[in-house]
N, C-alpha and C. Protein backbone atom coordinates (compact mmCIF):
# COMPACT_ATOMS: atom_id res chain seq x y z
N UNK A 1 140.75 115.77 108.53
CA UNK A 1 139.99 114.55 108.36
C UNK A 1 138.88 114.52 109.41
N UNK A 2 137.72 114.05 109.03
CA UNK A 2 136.56 114.02 109.92
C UNK A 2 136.51 112.69 110.66
N UNK A 3 136.56 112.72 111.99
CA UNK A 3 136.56 111.49 112.79
C UNK A 3 135.18 111.15 113.35
N UNK A 4 134.15 111.87 112.95
CA UNK A 4 132.82 111.62 113.47
C UNK A 4 132.29 110.33 112.85
N UNK A 5 131.81 109.43 113.71
CA UNK A 5 131.26 108.16 113.22
C UNK A 5 129.85 108.40 112.70
N UNK A 6 129.42 107.58 111.78
CA UNK A 6 128.11 107.73 111.17
C UNK A 6 127.07 106.93 111.94
N UNK A 7 125.83 107.14 111.58
CA UNK A 7 124.74 106.45 112.25
C UNK A 7 124.87 104.94 112.12
N UNK A 8 124.61 104.26 113.22
CA UNK A 8 124.63 102.81 113.20
C UNK A 8 126.00 102.20 113.32
N UNK A 9 127.05 102.98 113.44
CA UNK A 9 128.38 102.41 113.51
C UNK A 9 128.79 102.22 114.96
N UNK A 10 129.10 101.01 115.33
CA UNK A 10 129.57 100.71 116.67
C UNK A 10 128.54 101.03 117.73
N UNK A 11 129.01 101.32 118.93
CA UNK A 11 128.10 101.61 120.04
C UNK A 11 127.50 103.01 119.93
N UNK A 12 128.11 103.88 119.16
CA UNK A 12 127.61 105.25 119.06
C UNK A 12 126.27 105.31 118.35
N UNK A 13 126.02 104.40 117.45
CA UNK A 13 124.76 104.41 116.72
C UNK A 13 123.60 103.81 117.48
N UNK A 14 123.86 103.26 118.66
CA UNK A 14 122.79 102.59 119.39
C UNK A 14 121.71 103.55 119.82
N UNK A 15 122.06 104.77 120.22
CA UNK A 15 121.06 105.74 120.62
C UNK A 15 120.20 106.14 119.43
N UNK A 16 120.81 106.30 118.29
CA UNK A 16 120.07 106.63 117.07
C UNK A 16 119.12 105.50 116.73
N UNK A 17 119.59 104.26 116.83
CA UNK A 17 118.74 103.12 116.53
C UNK A 17 117.57 103.04 117.50
N UNK A 18 117.79 103.37 118.78
CA UNK A 18 116.71 103.36 119.76
C UNK A 18 115.68 104.42 119.43
N UNK A 19 116.13 105.59 118.98
CA UNK A 19 115.21 106.67 118.60
C UNK A 19 114.34 106.23 117.42
N UNK A 20 114.97 105.66 116.42
CA UNK A 20 114.23 105.22 115.24
C UNK A 20 113.29 104.08 115.59
N UNK A 21 113.73 103.18 116.47
CA UNK A 21 112.90 102.04 116.88
C UNK A 21 111.66 102.53 117.62
N UNK A 22 111.83 103.50 118.49
CA UNK A 22 110.70 104.02 119.26
C UNK A 22 109.66 104.65 118.34
N UNK A 23 110.12 105.40 117.35
CA UNK A 23 109.19 106.01 116.39
C UNK A 23 108.42 104.93 115.63
N UNK A 24 109.13 103.90 115.20
CA UNK A 24 108.49 102.82 114.45
C UNK A 24 107.47 102.09 115.30
N UNK A 25 107.81 101.83 116.55
CA UNK A 25 106.89 101.13 117.46
C UNK A 25 105.63 101.96 117.68
N UNK A 26 105.78 103.26 117.88
CA UNK A 26 104.61 104.11 118.08
C UNK A 26 103.70 104.12 116.85
N UNK A 27 104.28 104.14 115.67
CA UNK A 27 103.48 104.13 114.45
C UNK A 27 102.73 102.81 114.30
N UNK A 28 103.39 101.71 114.59
CA UNK A 28 102.75 100.39 114.49
C UNK A 28 101.62 100.27 115.51
N UNK A 29 101.87 100.68 116.75
CA UNK A 29 100.83 100.61 117.79
C UNK A 29 99.65 101.50 117.41
N UNK A 30 99.94 102.67 116.88
CA UNK A 30 98.89 103.59 116.44
C UNK A 30 98.02 102.92 115.37
N UNK A 31 98.66 102.31 114.39
CA UNK A 31 97.92 101.61 113.33
C UNK A 31 97.13 100.43 113.86
N UNK A 32 97.74 99.65 114.74
CA UNK A 32 97.04 98.49 115.31
C UNK A 32 95.83 98.91 116.14
N UNK A 33 95.94 100.05 116.79
CA UNK A 33 94.83 100.55 117.59
C UNK A 33 93.60 100.81 116.70
N UNK A 34 93.81 101.47 115.57
CA UNK A 34 92.69 101.75 114.68
C UNK A 34 92.21 100.49 113.96
N UNK A 35 93.11 99.57 113.70
CA UNK A 35 92.72 98.28 113.12
C UNK A 35 91.84 97.52 114.10
N UNK A 36 92.23 97.51 115.37
CA UNK A 36 91.45 96.82 116.40
C UNK A 36 90.07 97.45 116.54
N UNK A 37 89.99 98.75 116.39
CA UNK A 37 88.68 99.42 116.43
C UNK A 37 87.83 98.99 115.24
N UNK A 38 88.43 98.94 114.06
CA UNK A 38 87.69 98.54 112.86
C UNK A 38 87.19 97.10 112.96
N UNK A 39 87.97 96.25 113.63
CA UNK A 39 87.58 94.84 113.81
C UNK A 39 86.66 94.66 115.02
N UNK A 40 86.36 95.76 115.69
CA UNK A 40 85.50 95.78 116.87
C UNK A 40 86.08 94.97 118.04
N UNK A 41 87.42 94.95 118.12
CA UNK A 41 88.10 94.30 119.24
C UNK A 41 88.19 95.24 120.43
N UNK A 42 88.21 96.55 120.16
CA UNK A 42 88.21 97.57 121.21
C UNK A 42 87.10 98.56 120.89
N UNK A 43 86.64 99.23 121.93
CA UNK A 43 85.55 100.19 121.74
C UNK A 43 86.08 101.51 121.21
N UNK A 44 85.18 102.29 120.66
CA UNK A 44 85.54 103.62 120.16
C UNK A 44 86.00 104.52 121.30
N UNK A 45 85.42 104.33 122.48
CA UNK A 45 85.82 105.12 123.64
C UNK A 45 87.28 104.86 124.01
N UNK A 46 87.70 103.60 123.93
CA UNK A 46 89.09 103.24 124.23
C UNK A 46 90.03 103.91 123.24
N UNK A 47 89.68 103.85 121.97
CA UNK A 47 90.51 104.47 120.93
C UNK A 47 90.58 105.98 121.15
N UNK A 48 89.45 106.59 121.51
CA UNK A 48 89.42 108.04 121.74
C UNK A 48 90.28 108.46 122.92
N UNK A 49 90.55 107.57 123.84
CA UNK A 49 91.42 107.86 124.97
C UNK A 49 92.88 107.56 124.65
N UNK A 50 93.13 106.46 123.95
CA UNK A 50 94.51 105.99 123.75
C UNK A 50 95.25 106.76 122.66
N UNK A 51 94.59 107.10 121.55
CA UNK A 51 95.35 107.70 120.45
C UNK A 51 95.97 109.04 120.82
N UNK A 52 95.32 109.91 121.58
CA UNK A 52 96.01 111.15 121.95
C UNK A 52 97.21 110.90 122.86
N UNK A 53 97.12 109.87 123.69
CA UNK A 53 98.25 109.52 124.56
C UNK A 53 99.45 109.09 123.72
N UNK A 54 99.21 108.32 122.66
CA UNK A 54 100.30 107.91 121.78
C UNK A 54 100.93 109.11 121.08
N UNK A 55 100.11 110.07 120.68
CA UNK A 55 100.63 111.28 120.04
C UNK A 55 101.48 112.08 121.03
N UNK A 56 101.02 112.17 122.27
CA UNK A 56 101.78 112.88 123.30
C UNK A 56 103.12 112.20 123.55
N UNK A 57 103.13 110.88 123.64
CA UNK A 57 104.38 110.14 123.84
C UNK A 57 105.35 110.40 122.69
N UNK A 58 104.82 110.37 121.46
CA UNK A 58 105.67 110.68 120.30
C UNK A 58 106.22 112.08 120.35
N UNK A 59 105.41 113.03 120.78
CA UNK A 59 105.86 114.41 120.89
C UNK A 59 106.90 114.59 121.98
N UNK A 60 106.72 113.91 123.11
CA UNK A 60 107.70 113.99 124.19
C UNK A 60 109.04 113.39 123.76
N UNK A 61 108.99 112.40 122.88
CA UNK A 61 110.22 111.81 122.36
C UNK A 61 111.06 112.80 121.57
N UNK A 62 110.43 113.82 121.03
CA UNK A 62 111.16 114.84 120.29
C UNK A 62 112.03 115.70 121.20
N UNK A 63 111.69 115.76 122.50
CA UNK A 63 112.48 116.52 123.45
C UNK A 63 113.76 115.79 123.84
N UNK A 64 113.81 114.49 123.60
CA UNK A 64 114.99 113.69 123.92
C UNK A 64 115.86 113.63 122.67
N UNK A 65 116.92 114.43 122.61
CA UNK A 65 117.71 114.50 121.37
C UNK A 65 118.56 113.25 121.16
N UNK A 66 118.68 112.88 119.92
CA UNK A 66 119.58 111.79 119.55
C UNK A 66 120.94 112.40 119.26
N UNK A 67 121.98 111.83 119.80
CA UNK A 67 123.33 112.36 119.62
C UNK A 67 124.23 111.28 119.04
N UNK A 68 125.23 111.72 118.30
CA UNK A 68 126.24 110.78 117.82
C UNK A 68 127.46 110.86 118.73
N UNK A 69 128.54 110.21 118.38
CA UNK A 69 129.73 110.14 119.22
C UNK A 69 130.30 111.51 119.56
N UNK A 70 130.20 112.44 118.64
CA UNK A 70 130.78 113.77 118.84
C UNK A 70 129.86 114.69 119.64
N UNK A 71 128.68 114.18 120.04
CA UNK A 71 127.75 115.01 120.79
C UNK A 71 126.91 115.91 119.91
N UNK A 72 127.01 115.75 118.60
CA UNK A 72 126.23 116.55 117.67
C UNK A 72 124.96 115.79 117.33
N UNK A 73 123.97 116.49 116.82
CA UNK A 73 122.74 115.84 116.42
C UNK A 73 123.03 114.79 115.37
N UNK A 74 122.47 113.63 115.56
CA UNK A 74 122.66 112.52 114.62
C UNK A 74 121.52 112.54 113.61
N UNK A 75 121.47 111.54 112.76
CA UNK A 75 120.47 111.52 111.70
C UNK A 75 119.17 110.92 112.23
N UNK A 76 118.50 111.64 113.08
CA UNK A 76 117.22 111.22 113.64
C UNK A 76 116.12 112.03 112.98
N UNK A 77 115.85 111.74 111.76
CA UNK A 77 114.83 112.48 111.02
C UNK A 77 113.69 111.58 110.70
């Protein structure tokens, strides 16, 4: 019988939820950045500096593995 808990179950799923939440936040911030540029709330120079930083942060997040209770990779896709 398999005793491995699934994503989101109990405290073990909290790390998986944090991983998914971080990805969602980065995508929203990325979109808002370009929306703010289109609305002329921020300059093009600001966008040209900030968007690569957001991509780097997202890439660095890939180095931090999401694990489930058994220490195996969880469903962080």
